Amino acid sequence: MWFGYDEKKKIMNRGFAGTVAVPAWAYFMKKATEGNAPDWFEMPSDVERISVCRKSGMRAADGCKLAVSEDGRPNVYDDYYLMGTGPYERCTGSHTDPLAGDPMTVPSGVF
């Protein structure tokens, strides 16, 4: 689905995706799936879920779960990769910023 012009031109004042495309897409999907029972999406056999350390980008170690990223989000998140394409090297779990030498924040009450 495309909303816009072929050249750089505003659709409307404050015509962001959330005000133009998302409502139209939601309306379309409601109509297109009307009467269908909700169903779970089965993960393809060639896709794997990997826990990733936000700080290093490597496969998360147990120590990674104790840290919180600089923006307050959990340091570990799950992502999905085609088999053989994900991060396979495991993080050390010792979270020190290599540029600043500052440890990542450990949530209070953990120790």
N, C-alpha and C. Protein backbone atom coordinates (compact mmCIF):
# COMPACT_ATOMS: atom_id res chain seq x y z
N MET A 1 0.85 -1.16 0.00
CA MET A 1 0.00 0.00 0.00
C MET A 1 0.90 1.22 0.00
N TRP A 2 0.64 2.16 -0.88
CA TRP A 2 1.44 3.38 -0.98
C TRP A 2 0.54 4.59 -0.81
N PHE A 3 0.98 5.52 0.04
CA PHE A 3 0.32 6.80 0.19
C PHE A 3 1.34 7.87 -0.12
N GLY A 4 1.08 8.67 -1.10
CA GLY A 4 1.99 9.75 -1.42
C GLY A 4 2.00 10.07 -2.89
N TYR A 5 2.93 10.92 -3.24
CA TYR A 5 3.10 11.35 -4.63
C TYR A 5 4.39 10.77 -5.19
N ASP A 6 4.55 10.82 -6.48
CA ASP A 6 5.78 10.34 -7.11
C ASP A 6 6.95 11.28 -6.87
N GLU A 7 6.67 12.52 -6.57
CA GLU A 7 7.73 13.48 -6.28
C GLU A 7 7.57 13.95 -4.83
N LYS A 8 8.61 14.60 -4.31
CA LYS A 8 8.57 15.06 -2.92
C LYS A 8 7.52 16.15 -2.78
N LYS A 9 6.41 15.82 -2.14
CA LYS A 9 5.30 16.75 -1.97
C LYS A 9 4.45 16.26 -0.80
N LYS A 10 4.01 17.18 0.04
CA LYS A 10 3.18 16.81 1.19
C LYS A 10 1.83 16.30 0.73
N ILE A 11 1.36 15.25 1.39
CA ILE A 11 0.01 14.74 1.14
C ILE A 11 -1.00 15.72 1.74
N MET A 12 -0.69 16.14 2.97
CA MET A 12 -1.53 17.07 3.70
C MET A 12 -0.72 17.59 4.87
N ASN A 13 -1.18 18.62 5.52
CA ASN A 13 -0.50 19.15 6.70
C ASN A 13 -0.54 18.09 7.80
N ARG A 14 0.61 17.77 8.36
CA ARG A 14 0.76 16.75 9.40
C ARG A 14 0.27 15.39 8.91
N GLY A 15 0.52 15.09 7.65
CA GLY A 15 0.11 13.82 7.05
C GLY A 15 1.11 12.72 7.31
N PHE A 16 1.29 12.35 8.57
CA PHE A 16 2.23 11.30 8.94
C PHE A 16 1.57 9.93 8.75
N ALA A 17 2.37 8.88 8.80
CA ALA A 17 1.87 7.53 8.61
C ALA A 17 0.73 7.20 9.58
N GLY A 18 0.87 7.66 10.82
CA GLY A 18 -0.15 7.37 11.83
C GLY A 18 -1.48 8.07 11.59
N THR A 19 -1.46 9.12 10.77
CA THR A 19 -2.71 9.84 10.51
C THR A 19 -3.29 9.53 9.14
N VAL A 20 -2.48 8.94 8.26
CA VAL A 20 -2.95 8.66 6.90
C VAL A 20 -2.95 7.15 6.61
N ALA A 21 -1.77 6.55 6.59
CA ALA A 21 -1.65 5.16 6.16
C ALA A 21 -2.16 4.15 7.19
N VAL A 22 -1.83 4.33 8.46
CA VAL A 22 -2.22 3.35 9.47
C VAL A 22 -3.74 3.19 9.58
N PRO A 23 -4.50 4.27 9.67
CA PRO A 23 -5.96 4.08 9.74
C PRO A 23 -6.52 3.39 8.49
N ALA A 24 -5.99 3.72 7.32
CA ALA A 24 -6.47 3.09 6.10
C ALA A 24 -6.11 1.60 6.08
N TRP A 25 -4.89 1.29 6.51
CA TRP A 25 -4.46 -0.12 6.55
C TRP A 25 -5.29 -0.90 7.57
N ALA A 26 -5.54 -0.32 8.73
CA ALA A 26 -6.35 -0.99 9.76
C ALA A 26 -7.76 -1.25 9.24
N TYR A 27 -8.35 -0.27 8.58
CA TYR A 27 -9.69 -0.45 8.00
C TYR A 27 -9.68 -1.58 6.98
N PHE A 28 -8.68 -1.58 6.10
CA PHE A 28 -8.57 -2.62 5.08
C PHE A 28 -8.44 -4.01 5.72
N MET A 29 -7.55 -4.13 6.71
CA MET A 29 -7.30 -5.43 7.33
C MET A 29 -8.53 -5.93 8.10
N LYS A 30 -9.26 -5.02 8.75
CA LYS A 30 -10.48 -5.44 9.44
C LYS A 30 -11.48 -6.01 8.45
N LYS A 31 -11.65 -5.33 7.33
CA LYS A 31 -12.58 -5.81 6.30
C LYS A 31 -12.09 -7.10 5.65
N ALA A 32 -10.78 -7.17 5.37
CA ALA A 32 -10.22 -8.32 4.68
C ALA A 32 -10.26 -9.59 5.54
N THR A 33 -10.21 -9.43 6.87
CA THR A 33 -10.19 -10.60 7.75
C THR A 33 -11.49 -10.80 8.51
N GLU A 34 -12.50 -10.03 8.15
CA GLU A 34 -13.81 -10.12 8.82
C GLU A 34 -14.34 -11.55 8.76
N GLY A 35 -14.70 -12.08 9.91
CA GLY A 35 -15.25 -13.43 9.96
C GLY A 35 -14.19 -14.51 10.12
N ASN A 36 -12.93 -14.17 9.99
CA ASN A 36 -11.85 -15.15 10.19
C ASN A 36 -11.52 -15.26 11.67
N ALA A 37 -11.31 -16.47 12.12
CA ALA A 37 -10.91 -16.68 13.51
C ALA A 37 -9.44 -16.29 13.67
N PRO A 38 -9.08 -15.71 14.81
CA PRO A 38 -7.67 -15.39 15.04
C PRO A 38 -6.86 -16.68 15.02
N ASP A 39 -5.65 -16.61 14.52
CA ASP A 39 -4.81 -17.79 14.41
C ASP A 39 -3.37 -17.40 14.70
N TRP A 40 -2.65 -18.29 15.35
CA TRP A 40 -1.24 -18.04 15.64
C TRP A 40 -0.42 -18.27 14.39
N PHE A 41 0.63 -17.47 14.26
CA PHE A 41 1.56 -17.61 13.15
C PHE A 41 2.61 -18.64 13.56
N GLU A 42 2.75 -19.69 12.77
CA GLU A 42 3.77 -20.68 13.06
C GLU A 42 5.11 -20.21 12.52
N MET A 43 6.12 -20.27 13.38
CA MET A 43 7.44 -19.83 12.95
C MET A 43 7.98 -20.84 11.92
N PRO A 44 8.48 -20.35 10.80
CA PRO A 44 9.04 -21.25 9.79
C PRO A 44 10.21 -22.05 10.36
N SER A 45 10.41 -23.24 9.86
CA SER A 45 11.46 -24.13 10.39
C SER A 45 12.87 -23.59 10.13
N ASP A 46 13.02 -22.67 9.19
CA ASP A 46 14.35 -22.13 8.90
C ASP A 46 14.62 -20.80 9.60
N VAL A 47 13.80 -20.51 10.63
CA VAL A 47 13.97 -19.28 11.43
C VAL A 47 14.19 -19.69 12.88
N GLU A 48 15.08 -18.99 13.56
CA GLU A 48 15.33 -19.27 14.97
C GLU A 48 15.26 -17.99 15.80
N ARG A 49 14.83 -18.14 17.05
CA ARG A 49 14.77 -17.02 17.98
C ARG A 49 16.05 -17.01 18.81
N ILE A 50 16.71 -15.85 18.87
CA ILE A 50 17.97 -15.73 19.60
C ILE A 50 17.87 -14.55 20.56
N SER A 51 18.29 -14.77 21.81
CA SER A 51 18.38 -13.68 22.78
C SER A 51 19.68 -12.93 22.51
N VAL A 52 19.56 -11.61 22.32
CA VAL A 52 20.69 -10.78 21.90
C VAL A 52 20.99 -9.75 22.99
N CYS A 53 22.27 -9.54 23.24
CA CYS A 53 22.72 -8.50 24.16
C CYS A 53 22.69 -7.17 23.41
N ARG A 54 21.91 -6.24 23.91
CA ARG A 54 21.78 -4.93 23.25
C ARG A 54 23.12 -4.19 23.23
N LYS A 55 23.92 -4.37 24.26
CA LYS A 55 25.18 -3.63 24.38
C LYS A 55 26.22 -4.12 23.37
N SER A 56 26.35 -5.45 23.22
CA SER A 56 27.40 -6.00 22.36
C SER A 56 26.90 -6.44 20.98
N GLY A 57 25.61 -6.72 20.88
CA GLY A 57 25.08 -7.25 19.63
C GLY A 57 25.33 -8.74 19.47
N MET A 58 25.90 -9.37 20.50
CA MET A 58 26.20 -10.80 20.47
C MET A 58 25.08 -11.59 21.14
N ARG A 59 25.18 -12.90 21.04
CA ARG A 59 24.24 -13.78 21.73
C ARG A 59 24.37 -13.50 23.23
N ALA A 60 23.25 -13.31 23.90
CA ALA A 60 23.26 -12.90 25.31
C ALA A 60 23.77 -14.01 26.23
N ALA A 61 24.56 -13.61 27.20
CA ALA A 61 25.00 -14.49 28.28
C ALA A 61 24.13 -14.18 29.50
N ASP A 62 24.22 -15.02 30.54
CA ASP A 62 23.41 -14.78 31.73
C ASP A 62 23.67 -13.41 32.34
N GLY A 63 24.93 -12.96 32.34
CA GLY A 63 25.28 -11.66 32.92
C GLY A 63 24.65 -10.49 32.19
N CYS A 64 24.32 -10.68 30.93
CA CYS A 64 23.71 -9.60 30.14
C CYS A 64 22.34 -9.22 30.67
N LYS A 65 21.65 -10.18 31.27
CA LYS A 65 20.29 -9.95 31.76
C LYS A 65 20.26 -9.04 32.99
N LEU A 66 21.40 -8.89 33.66
CA LEU A 66 21.46 -8.05 34.86
C LEU A 66 21.62 -6.58 34.53
N ALA A 67 22.02 -6.28 33.31
CA ALA A 67 22.28 -4.89 32.92
C ALA A 67 21.05 -4.26 32.30
N VAL A 68 21.03 -2.94 32.34
CA VAL A 68 19.99 -2.14 31.70
C VAL A 68 20.69 -1.19 30.76
N SER A 69 20.17 -1.02 29.55
CA SER A 69 20.84 -0.15 28.59
C SER A 69 20.73 1.31 29.03
N GLU A 70 21.51 2.15 28.38
CA GLU A 70 21.58 3.57 28.75
C GLU A 70 20.22 4.26 28.67
N ASP A 71 19.34 3.78 27.79
CA ASP A 71 18.04 4.42 27.64
C ASP A 71 16.96 3.77 28.53
N GLY A 72 17.38 2.88 29.42
CA GLY A 72 16.45 2.29 30.38
C GLY A 72 15.78 1.02 29.92
N ARG A 73 16.01 0.62 28.68
CA ARG A 73 15.40 -0.62 28.19
C ARG A 73 16.18 -1.82 28.73
N PRO A 74 15.52 -2.98 28.81
CA PRO A 74 16.27 -4.18 29.20
C PRO A 74 17.42 -4.40 28.22
N ASN A 75 18.52 -4.93 28.72
CA ASN A 75 19.70 -5.12 27.88
C ASN A 75 19.55 -6.31 26.92
N VAL A 76 18.69 -7.26 27.26
CA VAL A 76 18.53 -8.44 26.42
C VAL A 76 17.17 -8.40 25.73
N TYR A 77 17.18 -8.69 24.43
CA TYR A 77 15.94 -8.79 23.68
C TYR A 77 16.00 -10.00 22.77
N ASP A 78 14.85 -10.52 22.40
CA ASP A 78 14.78 -11.64 21.47
C ASP A 78 14.56 -11.12 20.07
N ASP A 79 15.25 -11.73 19.13
CA ASP A 79 15.08 -11.37 17.73
C ASP A 79 15.05 -12.66 16.92
N TYR A 80 14.60 -12.56 15.70
CA TYR A 80 14.42 -13.73 14.84
C TYR A 80 15.35 -13.64 13.64
N TYR A 81 16.00 -14.75 13.33
CA TYR A 81 16.99 -14.80 12.26
C TYR A 81 16.77 -16.04 11.41
N LEU A 82 17.09 -15.92 10.13
CA LEU A 82 17.17 -17.12 9.31
C LEU A 82 18.29 -17.97 9.88
N MET A 83 18.11 -19.28 9.88
CA MET A 83 19.13 -20.18 10.41
C MET A 83 20.48 -19.83 9.80
N GLY A 84 21.47 -19.72 10.66
CA GLY A 84 22.83 -19.48 10.20
C GLY A 84 23.19 -18.02 10.00
N THR A 85 22.25 -17.09 10.24
CA THR A 85 22.55 -15.68 10.02
C THR A 85 22.61 -14.86 11.30
N GLY A 86 22.21 -15.44 12.41
CA GLY A 86 22.16 -14.69 13.67
C GLY A 86 23.52 -14.57 14.32
N PRO A 87 23.58 -13.84 15.42
CA PRO A 87 24.84 -13.73 16.16
C PRO A 87 25.09 -15.05 16.91
N TYR A 88 26.26 -15.64 16.72
CA TYR A 88 26.55 -16.91 17.37
C TYR A 88 27.64 -16.80 18.42
N GLU A 89 28.43 -15.74 18.35
CA GLU A 89 29.45 -15.54 19.37
C GLU A 89 28.76 -15.06 20.63
N ARG A 90 29.07 -15.69 21.76
CA ARG A 90 28.42 -15.33 23.02
C ARG A 90 29.12 -14.15 23.67
N CYS A 91 28.32 -13.22 24.17
CA CYS A 91 28.84 -12.05 24.88
C CYS A 91 29.51 -12.51 26.18
N THR A 92 30.46 -11.76 26.63
CA THR A 92 31.15 -12.09 27.89
C THR A 92 30.27 -11.79 29.09
N GLY A 93 29.31 -10.90 28.92
CA GLY A 93 28.43 -10.54 30.03
C GLY A 93 29.02 -9.49 30.95
N SER A 94 30.26 -9.07 30.70
CA SER A 94 30.85 -7.99 31.50
C SER A 94 30.63 -6.70 30.74
N HIS A 95 29.70 -5.90 31.19
CA HIS A 95 29.25 -4.77 30.40
C HIS A 95 29.93 -3.47 30.78
N THR A 96 31.03 -3.23 30.11
CA THR A 96 31.76 -1.99 30.25
C THR A 96 31.78 -1.34 28.88
N ASP A 97 31.49 -0.08 28.83
CA ASP A 97 31.54 0.65 27.57
C ASP A 97 33.00 0.74 27.15
N PRO A 98 33.38 0.13 26.00
CA PRO A 98 34.78 0.12 25.62
C PRO A 98 35.34 1.52 25.34
N LEU A 99 34.49 2.49 25.05
CA LEU A 99 34.96 3.85 24.77
C LEU A 99 35.11 4.67 26.04
N ALA A 100 34.16 4.51 26.96
CA ALA A 100 34.17 5.33 28.16
C ALA A 100 34.71 4.60 29.38
N GLY A 101 34.72 3.28 29.33
CA GLY A 101 35.16 2.51 30.49
C GLY A 101 34.14 2.50 31.61
N ASP A 102 32.91 2.96 31.33
CA ASP A 102 31.88 3.00 32.35
C ASP A 102 31.03 1.73 32.31
N PRO A 103 30.78 1.12 33.47
CA PRO A 103 29.91 -0.06 33.46
C PRO A 103 28.48 0.36 33.16
N MET A 104 27.74 -0.56 32.56
CA MET A 104 26.32 -0.29 32.33
C MET A 104 25.62 -0.27 33.66
N THR A 105 24.45 0.31 33.71
CA THR A 105 23.67 0.41 34.91
C THR A 105 23.13 -0.95 35.30
N VAL A 106 23.29 -1.32 36.55
CA VAL A 106 22.69 -2.54 37.06
C VAL A 106 21.50 -2.10 37.91
N PRO A 107 20.32 -2.66 37.65
CA PRO A 107 19.13 -2.20 38.38
C PRO A 107 19.32 -2.34 39.88
N SER A 108 18.76 -1.41 40.63
CA SER A 108 18.87 -1.47 42.09
C SER A 108 18.10 -2.67 42.60
N GLY A 109 18.57 -3.26 43.68
CA GLY A 109 17.91 -4.41 44.26
C GLY A 109 18.33 -5.73 43.67
N VAL A 110 19.24 -5.71 42.68
CA VAL A 110 19.66 -6.97 42.06
C VAL A 110 20.65 -7.69 42.97
N PHE A 111 21.51 -6.94 43.66
CA PHE A 111 22.51 -7.56 44.53
C PHE A 111 22.26 -7.21 45.96
